[in-house]
C-alpha atoms as a PDB file:
ATOM      1  CA  MET A   1       7.214  12.509  -2.549  1.00  0.00           C
ATOM      2  CA  SER A   2       9.893  12.739   0.166  1.00  0.00           C
ATOM      3  CA  ILE A   3      13.523  13.336  -0.772  1.00  0.00           C
ATOM      4  CA  SER A   4      14.586   9.920   0.523  1.00  0.00           C
ATOM      5  CA  LEU A   5      11.953   8.222  -1.642  1.00  0.00           C
ATOM      6  CA  GLN A   6      13.092  10.314  -4.620  1.00  0.00           C
ATOM      7  CA  VAL A   7      16.696   9.201  -4.128  1.00  0.00           C
ATOM      8  CA  VAL A   8      15.693   5.551  -3.769  1.00  0.00           C
ATOM      9  CA  SER A   9      13.620   5.917  -6.939  1.00  0.00           C
ATOM     10  CA  LEU A  10      16.639   7.436  -8.691  1.00  0.00           C
ATOM     11  CA  PHE A  11      18.812   4.410  -7.971  1.00  0.00           C
ATOM     12  CA  ILE A  12      16.038   1.981  -8.888  1.00  0.00           C
ATOM     13  CA  LEU A  13      15.064   3.737 -12.138  1.00  0.00           C
ATOM     14  CA  ALA A  14      18.716   3.901 -13.190  1.00  0.00           C
ATOM     15  CA  LEU A  15      18.848   0.092 -13.264  1.00  0.00           C
ATOM     16  CA  PRO A  16      16.506  -0.432 -16.228  1.00  0.00           C
ATOM     17  CA  VAL A  17      17.997   2.594 -17.994  1.00  0.00           C
ATOM     18  CA  ALA A  18      21.454   1.039 -17.664  1.00  0.00           C
ATOM     19  CA  SER A  19      20.176  -2.384 -18.648  1.00  0.00           C
ATOM     20  CA  VAL A  20      18.503  -1.189 -21.859  1.00  0.00           C
ATOM     21  CA  ALA A  21      21.394   1.086 -22.831  1.00  0.00           C
ATOM     22  CA  TRP A  22      23.994  -1.637 -22.203  1.00  0.00           C
ATOM     23  CA  THR A  23      22.019  -4.294 -24.063  1.00  0.00           C
ATOM     24  CA  ILE A  24      21.562  -2.186 -27.184  1.00  0.00           C
ATOM     25  CA  THR A  25      25.152  -0.909 -27.265  1.00  0.00           C
ATOM     26  CA  HIS A  26      27.091  -4.027 -26.196  1.00  0.00           C
ATOM     27  CA  GLU A  27      25.270  -7.321 -26.197  1.00  0.00           C
ATOM     28  CA  GLU A  28      25.445  -9.975 -28.884  1.00  0.00           C
ATOM     29  CA  VAL A  29      21.673 -10.171 -29.366  1.00  0.00           C
ATOM     30  CA  VAL A  30      21.685  -6.887 -31.329  1.00  0.00           C
ATOM     31  CA  ARG A  31      25.203  -7.106 -32.781  1.00  0.00           C
ATOM     32  CA  GLU A  32      24.082  -7.016 -36.421  1.00  0.00           C
ATOM     33  CA  PHE A  33      22.014  -3.885 -35.841  1.00  0.00           C
ATOM     34  CA  ARG A  34      24.887  -2.256 -33.937  1.00  0.00           C
ATOM     35  CA  ASP A  35      27.398  -3.161 -36.662  1.00  0.00           C
ATOM     36  CA  LEU A  36      25.107  -1.603 -39.252  1.00  0.00           C
ATOM     37  CA  CYS A  37      24.777   1.539 -37.146  1.00  0.00           C
ATOM     38  CA  LEU A  38      28.543   1.706 -36.656  1.00  0.00           C
ATOM     39  CA  ALA A  39      29.139   1.460 -40.398  1.00  0.00           C
ATOM     40  CA  LYS A  40      26.496   4.080 -41.165  1.00  0.00           C
ATOM     41  CA  SER A  41      27.867   6.392 -38.464  1.00  0.00           C
ATOM     42  CA  LYS A  42      31.111   6.479 -40.465  1.00  0.00           C
ATOM     43  CA  THR A  43      29.776   6.506 -44.030  1.00  0.00           C
ATOM     44  CA  CYS A  44      26.617   8.629 -44.117  1.00  0.00           C
ATOM     45  CA  ARG A  45      26.977  11.932 -45.947  1.00  0.00           C
ATOM     46  CA  ARG A  46      24.977  14.139 -43.584  1.00  0.00           C
ATOM     47  CA  ILE A  47      26.217  14.843 -40.081  1.00  0.00           C
ATOM     48  CA  TYR A  48      22.796  14.372 -38.469  1.00  0.00           C
ATOM     49  CA  GLU A  49      22.569  10.896 -40.044  1.00  0.00           C
ATOM     50  CA  ARG A  50      26.028   9.970 -38.736  1.00  0.00           C
ATOM     51  CA  LYS A  51      25.122  11.230 -35.252  1.00  0.00           C
ATOM     52  CA  PHE A  52      21.783   9.406 -35.287  1.00  0.00           C
ATOM     53  CA  PHE A  53      23.433   6.069 -36.062  1.00  0.00           C
ATOM     54  CA  TYR A  54      26.313   6.735 -33.647  1.00  0.00           C
ATOM     55  CA  LEU A  55      23.963   6.995 -30.668  1.00  0.00           C
ATOM     56  CA  PHE A  56      23.203   3.258 -30.979  1.00  0.00           C
ATOM     57  CA  THR A  57      26.895   2.432 -30.507  1.00  0.00           C
ATOM     58  CA  CYS A  58      27.655   4.587 -27.444  1.00  0.00           C
ATOM     59  CA  GLU A  59      26.139   3.603 -24.100  1.00  0.00           C
ATOM     60  CA  TYR A  60      26.526   7.126 -22.709  1.00  0.00           C
ATOM     61  CA  CYS A  61      24.773   8.733 -25.675  1.00  0.00           C
ATOM     62  CA  PHE A  62      22.051   6.131 -25.842  1.00  0.00           C
ATOM     63  CA  SER A  63      21.374   6.324 -22.099  1.00  0.00           C
ATOM     64  CA  HIS A  64      20.137   9.923 -22.551  1.00  0.00           C
ATOM     65  CA  TYR A  65      17.407   8.764 -24.931  1.00  0.00           C
ATOM     66  CA  VAL A  66      16.477   5.789 -22.771  1.00  0.00           C
ATOM     67  CA  THR A  67      16.295   8.131 -19.779  1.00  0.00           C
ATOM     68  CA  ALA A  68      13.974  10.483 -21.667  1.00  0.00           C
ATOM     69  CA  ILE A  69      11.656   7.572 -22.438  1.00  0.00           C
ATOM     70  CA  PHE A  70      11.670   6.421 -18.806  1.00  0.00           C
ATOM     71  CA  LEU A  71      10.990   9.962 -17.572  1.00  0.00           C
ATOM     72  CA  PHE A  72       8.048  10.204 -19.961  1.00  0.00           C
ATOM     73  CA  ILE A  73       6.653   6.838 -18.820  1.00  0.00           C
ATOM     74  CA  THR A  74       7.188   7.291 -15.066  1.00  0.00           C
ATOM     75  CA  ARG A  75       6.789  11.085 -14.717  1.00  0.00           C
ATOM     76  CA  TYR A  76       9.722  10.916 -12.280  1.00  0.00           C
ATOM     77  CA  LYS A  77      10.969  14.278 -10.978  1.00  0.00           C
ATOM     78  CA  LEU A  78      13.832  14.973  -8.605  1.00  0.00           C
ATOM     79  CA  LEU A  79      13.824  17.825  -6.054  1.00  0.00           C
ATOM     80  CA  TYR A  80      11.314  20.081  -7.886  1.00  0.00           C
ATOM     81  CA  PRO A  81       7.726  19.328  -8.916  1.00  0.00           C
ATOM     82  CA  ASP A  82       7.977  21.169 -12.250  1.00  0.00           C
ATOM     83  CA  TRP A  83      10.156  21.073 -15.414  1.00  0.00           C
ATOM     84  CA  ARG A  84      13.275  21.624 -13.299  1.00  0.00           C
ATOM     85  CA  GLY A  85      12.561  18.307 -11.555  1.00  0.00           C
ATOM     86  CA  TYR A  86      12.537  16.558 -14.941  1.00  0.00           C
ATOM     87  CA  LEU A  87      15.817  18.209 -15.929  1.00  0.00           C
ATOM     88  CA  ILE A  88      17.579  17.270 -12.695  1.00  0.00           C
ATOM     89  CA  ALA A  89      16.085  13.775 -12.762  1.00  0.00           C
ATOM     90  CA  GLY A  90      17.188  13.263 -16.357  1.00  0.00           C
ATOM     91  CA  PHE A  91      20.824  14.117 -15.835  1.00  0.00           C
ATOM     92  CA  SER A  92      20.888  12.294 -12.499  1.00  0.00           C
ATOM     93  CA  LEU A  93      19.456   9.135 -14.053  1.00  0.00           C
ATOM     94  CA  VAL A  94      21.989   9.271 -16.889  1.00  0.00           C
ATOM     95  CA  TRP A  95      24.838   9.690 -14.413  1.00  0.00           C
ATOM     96  CA  VAL A  96      23.760   6.875 -12.084  1.00  0.00           C
ATOM     97  CA  ALA A  97      22.997   4.564 -15.015  1.00  0.00           C
ATOM     98  CA  ASN A  98      26.477   5.181 -16.430  1.00  0.00           C
ATOM     99  CA  VAL A  99      28.046   4.467 -13.049  1.00  0.00           C
ATOM    100  CA  TYR A 100      26.157   1.167 -13.049  1.00  0.00           C
ATOM    101  CA  MET A 101      27.347   0.406 -16.582  1.00  0.00           C
ATOM    102  CA  GLY A 102      30.940   1.252 -15.624  1.00  0.00           C
ATOM    103  CA  ILE A 103      30.788  -1.127 -12.666  1.00  0.00           C
ATOM    104  CA  PHE A 104      29.218  -3.817 -14.849  1.00  0.00           C
ATOM    105  CA  ALA A 105      31.879  -3.339 -17.535  1.00  0.00           C
ATOM    106  CA  ARG A 106      34.621  -3.678 -14.923  1.00  0.00           C
ATOM    107  CA  ILE A 107      33.092  -6.875 -13.523  1.00  0.00           C
ATOM    108  CA  ARG A 108      32.798  -8.359 -17.025  1.00  0.00           C
ATOM    109  CA  LEU A 109      36.406  -7.409 -17.755  1.00  0.00           C
ATOM    110  CA  ASP A 110      37.576  -9.145 -14.578  1.00  0.00           C
ATOM    111  CA  ILE A 111      35.565 -12.249 -15.462  1.00  0.00           C
ATOM    112  CA  ARG A 112      37.004 -12.282 -18.994  1.00  0.00           C
ATOM    113  CA  LYS A 113      40.518 -11.914 -17.577  1.00  0.00           C
ATOM    114  CA  GLU A 114      39.995 -14.800 -15.159  1.00  0.00           C
ATOM    115  CA  ARG A 115      38.625 -16.992 -17.947  1.00  0.00           C
ATOM    116  CA  ALA A 116      41.642 -16.192 -20.130  1.00  0.00           C
ATOM    117  CA  GLU A 117      44.038 -17.026 -17.291  1.00  0.00           C
ATOM    118  CA  ILE A 118      42.241 -20.323 -16.659  1.00  0.00           C
ATOM    119  CA  THR A 119      42.414 -21.179 -20.365  1.00  0.00           C
ATOM    120  CA  VAL A 120      46.152 -20.487 -20.430  1.00  0.00           C
ATOM    121  CA  GLU A 121      46.675 -22.652 -17.352  1.00  0.00           C
ATOM    122  CA  GLU A 122      44.576 -25.481 -18.785  1.00  0.00           C
ATOM    123  CA  ARG A 123      46.565 -25.404 -22.026  1.00  0.00           C
ATOM    124  CA  ALA A 124      49.845 -25.469 -20.112  1.00  0.00           C
ATOM    125  CA  VAL A 125      48.693 -28.487 -18.093  1.00  0.00           C
ATOM    126  CA  ALA A 126      47.489 -30.235 -21.257  1.00  0.00           C
ATOM    127  CA  GLU A 127      50.835 -29.613 -22.955  1.00  0.00           C
ATOM    128  CA  ARG A 128      52.712 -31.017 -19.952  1.00  0.00           C
ATOM    129  CA  VAL A 129      50.527 -34.118 -19.999  1.00  0.00           C
ATOM    130  CA  VAL A 130      51.051 -34.635 -23.724  1.00  0.00           C
ATOM    131  CA  LYS A 131      54.802 -34.057 -23.510  1.00  0.00           C
ATOM    132  CA  ALA A 132      55.255 -36.280 -20.462  1.00  0.00           C
ATOM    133  CA  GLU A 133      56.851 -39.606 -21.320  1.00  0.00           C
ATOM    134  CA  PRO A 134      55.050 -42.697 -20.172  1.00  0.00           C
ATOM    135  CA  ALA A 135      56.295 -44.038 -16.876  1.00  0.00           C
ATOM    136  CA  PRO A 136      58.537 -47.095 -17.151  1.00  0.00           C
ATOM    137  CA  SER A 137      56.741 -50.287 -16.340  1.00  0.00           C
ATOM    138  CA  THR A 138      57.770 -51.607 -12.980  1.00  0.00           C
ATOM    139  CA  VAL A 139      57.405 -55.010 -11.439  1.00  0.00           C
ATOM    140  CA  VAL A 140      55.750 -54.962  -8.100  1.00  0.00           C
ATOM    141  CA  ASP A 141      57.620 -57.084  -5.550  1.00  0.00           C
ATOM    142  CA  PHE A 142      55.381 -58.197  -2.738  1.00  0.00           C
ATOM    143  CA  GLY A 143      58.313 -59.629  -0.835  1.00  0.00           C
ATOM    144  CA  ILE A 144      57.393 -63.227  -1.547  1.00  0.00           C
ATOM    145  CA  THR A 145      60.382 -65.438  -2.282  1.00  0.00           C
ATOM    146  CA  LYS A 146      60.789 -69.153  -2.407  1.00  0.00           C
ATOM    147  CA  ALA A 147      62.657 -69.043   0.887  1.00  0.00           C
ATOM    148  CA  SER A 148      59.845 -67.250   2.645  1.00  0.00           C
ATOM    149  CA  GLN A 149      57.294 -69.695   1.250  1.00  0.00           C
ATOM    150  CA  MET A 150      58.970 -72.594   2.946  1.00  0.00           C
END
């Protein structure tokens, strides 16, 4: 496989690694599992148990395991055709996947900030509308008088 194809494969394979790692460590769909792991990572007696449960709460830690699974499935190697290619590919995939997750986290933070600002503005407008006194009733004069009717 050419080096350019290997690099393209690196950036493509990092996408599902990042997606799986982010979903398990951040998304609401597995929140209960993650909360359980977080609690056990603080309360288990043995250090290996605490570390095992912690890896499900940290996207960086978990991305190493997801990468290992993807390397096993795809047999992807980077630069070298032997075990060194797996080693380089593994750490490269973890790094690129974590860059992707960092960018995604920043985008989500910006979106959350914009939503919060919009909510504050909407509340301020609603408060102004509620506090505004009703306009005094006015009589519309169309300029018709008895003199002009004659």
